[in-house]
Amino acid sequence: MKNKKIVFAVSALCLFLSLFISCGNKLPQADEHGLYHELSDGVKVAKSEKKNILLFITMGGFDAESNDFVSNVLHSAEYKSSFGGKYVTVLFDFGSEAYMNSEVSHFTSDEERKAAEALNAQISRNVSLARTLNLTYTPCVFLMNEDGYAFADELYSETFDSVSSLYEMISDYEDDFVVMQEMVDATKKGSPVERVEAVNVIYQIVEDKYLPTLSGLFKSVPVMDKKKESDLVSYLYFVYVMEESKKFTAAGDFVSAVGVLRDAAQSENLEGEEKQQAFYMAAELLIQAGASDVPAILGLLNNAVLASPETDLAETCREIIFQATQILSGSEEGNTSESSMEEK
C-alpha cells in the first residue's frame, strides 16, 4: 500500500510538472485571421514551425490602400490558406482605428481600459522598430527568415492587390529565403571564429536598411567569441551599438542614445577605433541635444582621443577640445576682468 501511494504521488508530480512545462512553452496565439501583431510573437512561432516571416506595415486611414489591402487580402480566407503553410504573417497596424482603440480615455470599464493600455504598449513597441526602417510608403512588406531578420521589402503596387499576385511576388524570393536562412544557420555552428565570420558575411551582404532587425545577432558576437580570436568582435558589436543608439535618436531620446554609446565605449566589447567612435558620437549627441555639461562633453572627447590617438578622428577631437578650452579660458578671463573693474 505504501509503495502504491509513492507511485501515485510521483505520477501526480510528473503530471503537474508536465503541465507547468507545457504552459511555459505555450506559443503565442494568432488572431482570428491567422495574423500576429508583435514580431517577437511571430518569431517564436516561426522558429517552432520552421517558417519564414512576412511583416506587413499598414496605416489605414492615413494612406489610400491600407484599409482595402487588409480587408480584401490579409483578412481573406484565401490568404490564410495560401500563406499559412509556409509563412508566419505579422501585421503592424498604425491606422487611425488602432490608435482610437488604444486611447485609454475613450473607455469606461476596467477591462476596456486594460485592453487599450495593452494595445498602446504594443503599438509603441512596434513603432520603435518601424521608425528605424526608413518607411517611405504603406502598405509595405518586409521579408524575413524565421529569426525575424529582414533581407528584402516591397512597397504596395499591383503585386499587392490580390492574394494570387501577392503570392506570386513573394514566391520570386523563394531562393533568397533559403540563402538567408543558410547564412544565419552558419552563425550557430562551428568554431567561435567560424560563427563570427558568418555574422560578418551577413553584414557584408544584407543591405544596411535591414540592420535594425538584425541588431540582436550583432549583440551576440562577444558571447560567440569570448576570447576575441576572430578580431571581429569590436567591429561587429559596434553595429549593434549603432543600431541601438539610432533607435533612441529616432524617438528623440538623446539621453538614452548617449547612455548606450557611453556604456558600450566603457565596456570590453569595443576597442580601438570603434571605442573612439562611440565616445565621439556620445559627445556629438550631447552637443546636438544642447547639453550644458561642457566638462562631460570634453571628457568624452578626451576619451575618444585616448582610445585611438593616431586617427584623423582623434585629431578632430583634439581641435574641438582646444577650441572649447580657448573659449572657456577667454570667458573666465573676461569674468575676472569684470570682477576687478567692479571692485575698483
Protein backbone atom coordinates (compact mmCIF):
# COMPACT_ATOMS: atom_id res chain seq x y z
CA MET A 1 0.00 0.00 0.00
CA LYS A 2 2.80 2.37 0.91
CA ASN A 3 4.51 1.76 -2.44
CA LYS A 4 1.26 2.49 -4.28
CA LYS A 5 0.99 5.86 -2.53
CA ILE A 6 4.55 6.68 -3.50
CA VAL A 7 3.87 5.71 -7.12
CA PHE A 8 0.70 7.80 -7.13
CA ALA A 9 2.50 10.79 -5.62
CA VAL A 10 5.32 10.55 -8.17
CA SER A 11 2.82 10.26 -11.03
CA ALA A 12 0.91 13.28 -9.77
CA LEU A 13 4.13 15.27 -9.51
CA CYS A 14 5.14 14.31 -13.05
CA LEU A 15 1.71 15.33 -14.34
CA PHE A 16 1.97 18.68 -12.55
CA LEU A 17 5.46 19.31 -13.94
CA SER A 18 4.41 18.38 -17.47
CA LEU A 19 1.51 20.81 -17.26
CA PHE A 20 3.80 23.52 -15.91
CA ILE A 21 6.37 22.96 -18.65
CA SER A 22 3.76 22.90 -21.41
CA CYS A 23 2.27 26.16 -20.14
CA GLY A 24 5.69 27.77 -20.00
CA ASN A 25 6.38 26.78 -23.61
CA LYS A 26 2.96 27.77 -24.93
CA LEU A 27 3.23 29.57 -28.24
CA PRO A 28 1.54 32.95 -28.88
CA GLN A 29 -1.88 32.76 -30.47
CA ALA A 30 -2.73 34.35 -33.81
CA ASP A 31 -5.87 36.46 -34.24
CA GLU A 32 -8.96 35.16 -36.00
CA HIS A 33 -7.33 35.81 -39.38
CA GLY A 34 -4.14 33.94 -38.54
CA LEU A 35 -2.09 37.13 -38.05
CA TYR A 36 0.30 38.12 -35.26
CA HIS A 37 0.82 41.70 -34.16
CA GLU A 38 4.22 41.59 -32.48
CA LEU A 39 7.38 40.50 -34.25
CA SER A 40 8.61 38.64 -31.15
CA ASP A 41 5.43 36.52 -31.20
CA GLY A 42 5.88 35.82 -34.89
CA VAL A 43 9.50 34.77 -34.34
CA LYS A 44 8.55 32.31 -31.59
CA VAL A 45 6.01 30.63 -33.83
CA ALA A 46 8.22 30.76 -36.93
CA LYS A 47 11.17 29.15 -35.14
CA SER A 48 8.90 26.47 -33.71
CA GLU A 49 7.29 25.68 -37.06
CA LYS A 50 10.36 26.37 -39.25
CA LYS A 51 8.60 29.00 -41.34
CA ASN A 52 9.68 32.32 -42.82
CA ILE A 53 8.08 35.60 -41.75
CA LEU A 54 6.20 38.28 -43.67
CA LEU A 55 5.98 41.57 -41.76
CA PHE A 56 3.32 43.89 -43.19
CA ILE A 57 3.06 47.53 -42.12
CA THR A 58 -0.18 49.41 -42.78
CA MET A 59 -1.65 52.82 -41.91
CA GLY A 60 -5.37 52.54 -42.57
CA GLY A 61 -6.99 55.96 -42.73
CA PHE A 62 -3.66 57.67 -43.38
CA ASP A 63 -2.96 56.25 -46.84
CA ALA A 64 -5.11 55.28 -49.82
CA GLU A 65 -4.68 51.50 -49.88
CA SER A 66 -4.14 50.03 -46.40
CA ASN A 67 -7.78 49.52 -45.41
CA ASP A 68 -8.69 47.74 -48.63
CA PHE A 69 -5.50 45.71 -48.58
CA VAL A 70 -6.08 44.45 -45.04
CA SER A 71 -9.78 43.71 -45.63
CA ASN A 72 -9.51 42.16 -49.09
CA VAL A 73 -6.16 40.39 -48.80
CA LEU A 74 -4.80 39.81 -45.30
CA HIS A 75 -8.21 39.12 -43.73
CA SER A 76 -9.36 36.81 -46.52
CA ALA A 77 -9.73 33.06 -46.15
CA GLU A 78 -7.72 32.72 -49.37
CA TYR A 79 -4.72 34.46 -47.81
CA LYS A 80 -4.80 32.18 -44.77
CA SER A 81 -4.93 29.04 -46.91
CA SER A 82 -2.31 30.26 -49.41
CA PHE A 83 0.28 31.63 -46.99
CA GLY A 84 -0.38 29.84 -43.69
CA GLY A 85 1.50 26.69 -44.64
CA LYS A 86 4.84 28.37 -45.42
CA TYR A 87 4.81 31.73 -43.69
CA VAL A 88 4.06 33.38 -40.38
CA THR A 89 2.38 36.72 -41.01
CA VAL A 90 2.91 39.69 -38.69
CA LEU A 91 0.91 42.89 -39.12
CA PHE A 92 1.96 46.24 -37.67
CA ASP A 93 -1.15 48.38 -37.99
CA PHE A 94 -0.62 52.08 -37.34
CA GLY A 95 -4.00 53.10 -38.70
CA SER A 96 -6.45 55.59 -37.20
CA GLU A 97 -8.70 52.84 -35.84
CA ALA A 98 -5.81 51.20 -33.99
CA TYR A 99 -4.90 54.48 -32.33
CA MET A 100 -8.51 55.12 -31.33
CA ASN A 101 -8.71 51.66 -29.79
CA SER A 102 -5.50 52.33 -27.86
CA GLU A 103 -6.74 55.64 -26.39
CA VAL A 104 -7.49 54.79 -22.76
CA SER A 105 -9.69 57.86 -22.18
CA HIS A 106 -12.23 56.53 -24.71
CA PHE A 107 -13.24 53.65 -22.43
CA THR A 108 -15.00 53.41 -19.09
CA SER A 109 -14.77 49.80 -17.90
CA ASP A 110 -11.60 48.40 -16.34
CA GLU A 111 -11.50 45.60 -18.90
CA GLU A 112 -11.68 48.02 -21.82
CA ARG A 113 -9.03 50.30 -20.31
CA LYS A 114 -6.66 47.39 -19.74
CA ALA A 115 -7.14 46.25 -23.33
CA ALA A 116 -6.47 49.79 -24.56
CA GLU A 117 -3.33 50.05 -22.41
CA ALA A 118 -2.05 46.73 -23.76
CA LEU A 119 -2.70 47.82 -27.34
CA ASN A 120 -1.00 51.16 -26.69
CA ALA A 121 2.10 49.39 -25.34
CA GLN A 122 2.10 47.06 -28.32
CA ILE A 123 1.89 49.93 -30.80
CA SER A 124 4.75 51.71 -29.00
CA ARG A 125 6.97 48.63 -29.28
CA ASN A 126 6.14 48.22 -32.96
CA VAL A 127 6.70 51.92 -33.68
CA SER A 128 10.13 51.66 -32.06
CA LEU A 129 11.21 49.18 -34.73
CA ALA A 130 9.29 50.76 -37.61
CA ARG A 131 10.97 54.14 -37.03
CA THR A 132 14.36 52.63 -37.79
CA LEU A 133 13.28 51.03 -41.07
CA ASN A 134 13.00 54.29 -43.04
CA LEU A 135 9.49 53.64 -44.30
CA THR A 136 8.65 55.57 -47.44
CA TYR A 137 5.18 54.20 -48.18
CA THR A 138 2.49 51.91 -46.79
CA PRO A 139 1.30 49.23 -47.18
CA CYS A 140 4.66 47.50 -47.38
CA VAL A 141 6.04 44.08 -46.55
CA PHE A 142 9.41 43.03 -45.13
CA LEU A 143 10.63 39.54 -45.97
CA MET A 144 12.33 37.80 -43.03
CA ASN A 145 13.76 34.46 -42.09
CA GLU A 146 12.45 32.56 -39.06
CA ASP A 147 14.59 34.70 -36.71
CA GLY A 148 12.92 37.90 -37.86
CA TYR A 149 15.95 39.07 -39.83
CA ALA A 150 14.84 41.09 -42.86
CA PHE A 151 16.63 40.90 -46.20
CA ALA A 152 14.14 42.43 -48.67
CA ASP A 153 11.00 44.57 -48.82
CA GLU A 154 8.31 45.52 -51.29
CA LEU A 155 6.04 48.56 -51.46
CA TYR A 156 2.38 48.39 -52.37
CA SER A 157 1.64 48.10 -56.09
CA GLU A 158 -0.43 45.84 -58.30
CA THR A 159 1.51 42.96 -56.72
CA PHE A 160 -0.43 43.60 -53.50
CA ASP A 161 -3.95 43.95 -54.85
CA SER A 162 -4.86 40.26 -54.67
CA VAL A 163 -3.78 37.15 -52.83
CA SER A 164 -2.68 35.44 -56.04
CA SER A 165 -0.50 38.34 -57.22
CA LEU A 166 0.97 38.77 -53.75
CA TYR A 167 1.78 35.07 -53.58
CA GLU A 168 3.46 35.22 -56.98
CA MET A 169 5.59 38.16 -55.90
CA ILE A 170 6.66 36.51 -52.62
CA SER A 171 7.42 33.27 -54.48
CA ASP A 172 10.03 35.12 -56.54
CA TYR A 173 12.08 35.37 -53.31
CA GLU A 174 11.98 31.64 -52.58
CA ASP A 175 15.69 31.11 -53.22
CA ASP A 176 16.57 34.24 -51.24
CA PHE A 177 14.72 32.90 -48.20
CA VAL A 178 16.83 29.73 -48.42
CA VAL A 179 20.12 31.63 -48.78
CA MET A 180 19.29 33.93 -45.87
CA GLN A 181 18.48 31.00 -43.60
CA GLU A 182 21.66 29.19 -44.61
CA MET A 183 23.73 32.27 -43.74
CA VAL A 184 22.01 32.58 -40.35
CA ASP A 185 22.41 28.85 -39.65
CA ALA A 186 26.16 29.25 -40.24
CA THR A 187 26.30 31.64 -37.27
CA LYS A 188 25.01 28.87 -34.98
CA LYS A 189 27.54 26.13 -35.70
CA GLY A 190 31.27 25.64 -35.94
CA SER A 191 34.10 27.25 -34.00
CA PRO A 192 33.78 30.72 -32.45
CA VAL A 193 35.83 32.18 -35.29
CA GLU A 194 33.68 30.49 -37.93
CA ARG A 195 30.48 31.69 -36.31
CA VAL A 196 31.67 35.29 -36.09
CA GLU A 197 32.94 35.20 -39.66
CA ALA A 198 29.47 34.01 -40.69
CA VAL A 199 27.98 37.06 -38.96
CA ASN A 200 30.40 39.23 -40.90
CA VAL A 201 29.26 37.63 -44.17
CA ILE A 202 25.69 38.63 -43.35
CA TYR A 203 26.83 42.17 -42.52
CA GLN A 204 28.60 42.47 -45.85
CA ILE A 205 25.70 41.06 -47.90
CA VAL A 206 22.49 42.33 -46.28
CA GLU A 207 21.61 45.95 -47.07
CA ASP A 208 22.14 48.44 -44.24
CA LYS A 209 18.47 49.41 -44.13
CA TYR A 210 17.60 45.97 -42.74
CA LEU A 211 20.22 46.05 -39.96
CA PRO A 212 17.75 47.20 -37.26
CA THR A 213 16.08 43.80 -37.49
CA LEU A 214 19.44 42.04 -37.11
CA SER A 215 20.81 44.03 -34.16
CA GLY A 216 20.34 41.10 -31.79
CA LEU A 217 22.64 38.98 -33.95
CA PHE A 218 25.45 41.54 -33.71
CA LYS A 219 24.83 41.92 -29.99
CA SER A 220 25.56 38.21 -29.55
CA VAL A 221 29.03 38.37 -31.16
CA PRO A 222 31.00 38.91 -27.89
CA VAL A 223 29.31 35.79 -26.49
CA MET A 224 30.16 33.79 -29.63
CA ASP A 225 33.84 34.71 -29.44
CA LYS A 226 34.66 35.30 -25.78
CA LYS A 227 38.42 35.08 -26.39
CA LYS A 228 38.23 37.50 -29.36
CA GLU A 229 40.07 35.07 -31.61
CA SER A 230 38.35 36.39 -34.74
CA ASP A 231 39.49 40.03 -34.40
CA LEU A 232 35.95 40.98 -35.46
CA VAL A 233 34.22 41.33 -32.09
CA SER A 234 34.66 45.08 -31.70
CA TYR A 235 33.88 45.74 -35.37
CA LEU A 236 30.61 43.76 -35.38
CA TYR A 237 29.45 44.62 -31.87
CA PHE A 238 29.67 48.27 -32.87
CA VAL A 239 26.98 47.57 -35.48
CA TYR A 240 24.64 46.63 -32.62
CA VAL A 241 25.65 49.73 -30.66
CA MET A 242 24.92 51.97 -33.65
CA GLU A 243 21.51 50.41 -34.28
CA GLU A 244 20.56 50.59 -30.61
CA SER A 245 21.53 54.26 -30.35
CA LYS A 246 19.69 55.05 -33.61
CA LYS A 247 16.55 53.50 -32.17
CA PHE A 248 16.59 56.09 -29.38
CA THR A 249 17.61 59.06 -31.51
CA ALA A 250 14.78 58.23 -33.93
CA ALA A 251 12.41 58.66 -30.99
CA GLY A 252 14.13 61.90 -29.89
CA ASP A 253 15.54 60.23 -26.77
CA PHE A 254 19.10 61.56 -26.86
CA VAL A 255 19.76 60.78 -23.22
CA SER A 256 19.25 57.03 -23.74
CA ALA A 257 21.21 57.12 -27.01
CA VAL A 258 24.16 58.75 -25.25
CA GLY A 259 23.91 56.16 -22.49
CA VAL A 260 24.09 53.30 -24.99
CA LEU A 261 27.18 54.76 -26.67
CA ARG A 262 28.95 55.68 -23.45
CA ASP A 263 28.28 52.31 -21.78
CA ALA A 264 29.47 50.42 -24.85
CA ALA A 265 32.62 52.54 -25.09
CA GLN A 266 33.43 51.79 -21.47
CA SER A 267 32.88 48.06 -21.92
CA GLU A 268 35.40 45.46 -23.04
CA ASN A 269 33.39 44.72 -26.17
CA LEU A 270 34.69 47.75 -28.07
CA GLU A 271 38.31 48.51 -28.81
CA GLY A 272 40.38 50.97 -30.80
CA GLU A 273 38.53 52.94 -33.45
CA GLU A 274 35.10 51.54 -32.55
CA LYS A 275 35.60 52.63 -28.93
CA GLN A 276 36.76 56.00 -30.20
CA GLN A 277 33.72 56.45 -32.43
CA ALA A 278 31.36 55.54 -29.60
CA PHE A 279 32.89 58.17 -27.30
CA TYR A 280 32.88 60.76 -30.07
CA MET A 281 29.27 60.09 -31.06
CA ALA A 282 28.17 60.32 -27.42
CA ALA A 283 29.80 63.77 -27.21
CA GLU A 284 28.28 64.80 -30.54
CA LEU A 285 24.76 63.79 -29.41
CA LEU A 286 25.18 65.76 -26.17
CA ILE A 287 26.08 68.82 -28.24
CA GLN A 288 23.10 68.27 -30.57
CA ALA A 289 20.81 67.94 -27.56
CA GLY A 290 22.04 71.31 -26.27
CA ALA A 291 23.62 69.87 -23.14
CA SER A 292 25.33 72.45 -20.93
CA ASP A 293 27.65 69.97 -19.20
CA VAL A 294 30.80 71.05 -21.02
CA PRO A 295 33.21 69.06 -18.78
CA ALA A 296 31.27 65.86 -19.59
CA ILE A 297 31.48 66.58 -23.32
CA LEU A 298 35.19 67.35 -23.15
CA GLY A 299 35.72 64.20 -21.09
CA LEU A 300 34.09 62.08 -23.78
CA LEU A 301 36.17 63.73 -26.50
CA ASN A 302 39.34 63.18 -24.48
CA ASN A 303 38.46 59.50 -24.04
CA ALA A 304 37.94 59.30 -27.79
CA VAL A 305 41.47 60.58 -28.34
CA LEU A 306 42.93 58.09 -25.85
CA ALA A 307 41.10 55.16 -27.47
CA SER A 308 42.99 55.54 -30.76
CA PRO A 309 45.37 58.54 -30.72
CA GLU A 310 46.73 58.29 -34.28
CA THR A 311 43.49 58.55 -36.28
CA ASP A 312 42.03 61.53 -38.14
CA LEU A 313 39.08 61.47 -35.75
CA ALA A 314 41.47 61.79 -32.81
CA GLU A 315 42.91 64.93 -34.41
CA THR A 316 39.42 66.31 -34.91
CA CYS A 317 38.65 65.70 -31.23
CA ARG A 318 41.87 67.47 -30.20
CA GLU A 319 40.90 70.52 -32.26
CA ILE A 320 37.43 70.65 -30.71
CA ILE A 321 38.91 70.31 -27.21
CA PHE A 322 41.45 73.06 -27.94
CA GLN A 323 38.86 75.47 -29.33
CA ALA A 324 36.46 74.80 -26.47
CA THR A 325 39.23 75.30 -23.93
CA GLN A 326 40.22 78.59 -25.55
CA ILE A 327 36.63 79.82 -25.45
CA LEU A 328 36.22 78.75 -21.84
CA SER A 329 39.52 80.35 -20.74
CA GLY A 330 38.63 83.56 -22.58
CA SER A 331 35.26 83.61 -20.89
CA GLU A 332 36.84 83.09 -17.48
CA GLU A 333 39.36 85.91 -18.12
CA GLY A 334 36.52 88.19 -19.13
CA ASN A 335 34.60 87.41 -15.95
CA THR A 336 37.74 88.04 -13.89
CA SER A 337 38.31 91.43 -15.55
CA GLU A 338 34.70 92.45 -14.95
CA SER A 339 35.03 91.50 -11.29
CA SER A 340 38.20 93.57 -10.97
CA MET A 341 36.52 96.62 -12.51
CA GLU A 342 33.57 96.29 -10.19
CA GLU A 343 35.91 96.14 -7.17
CA LYS A 344 37.63 99.35 -8.30
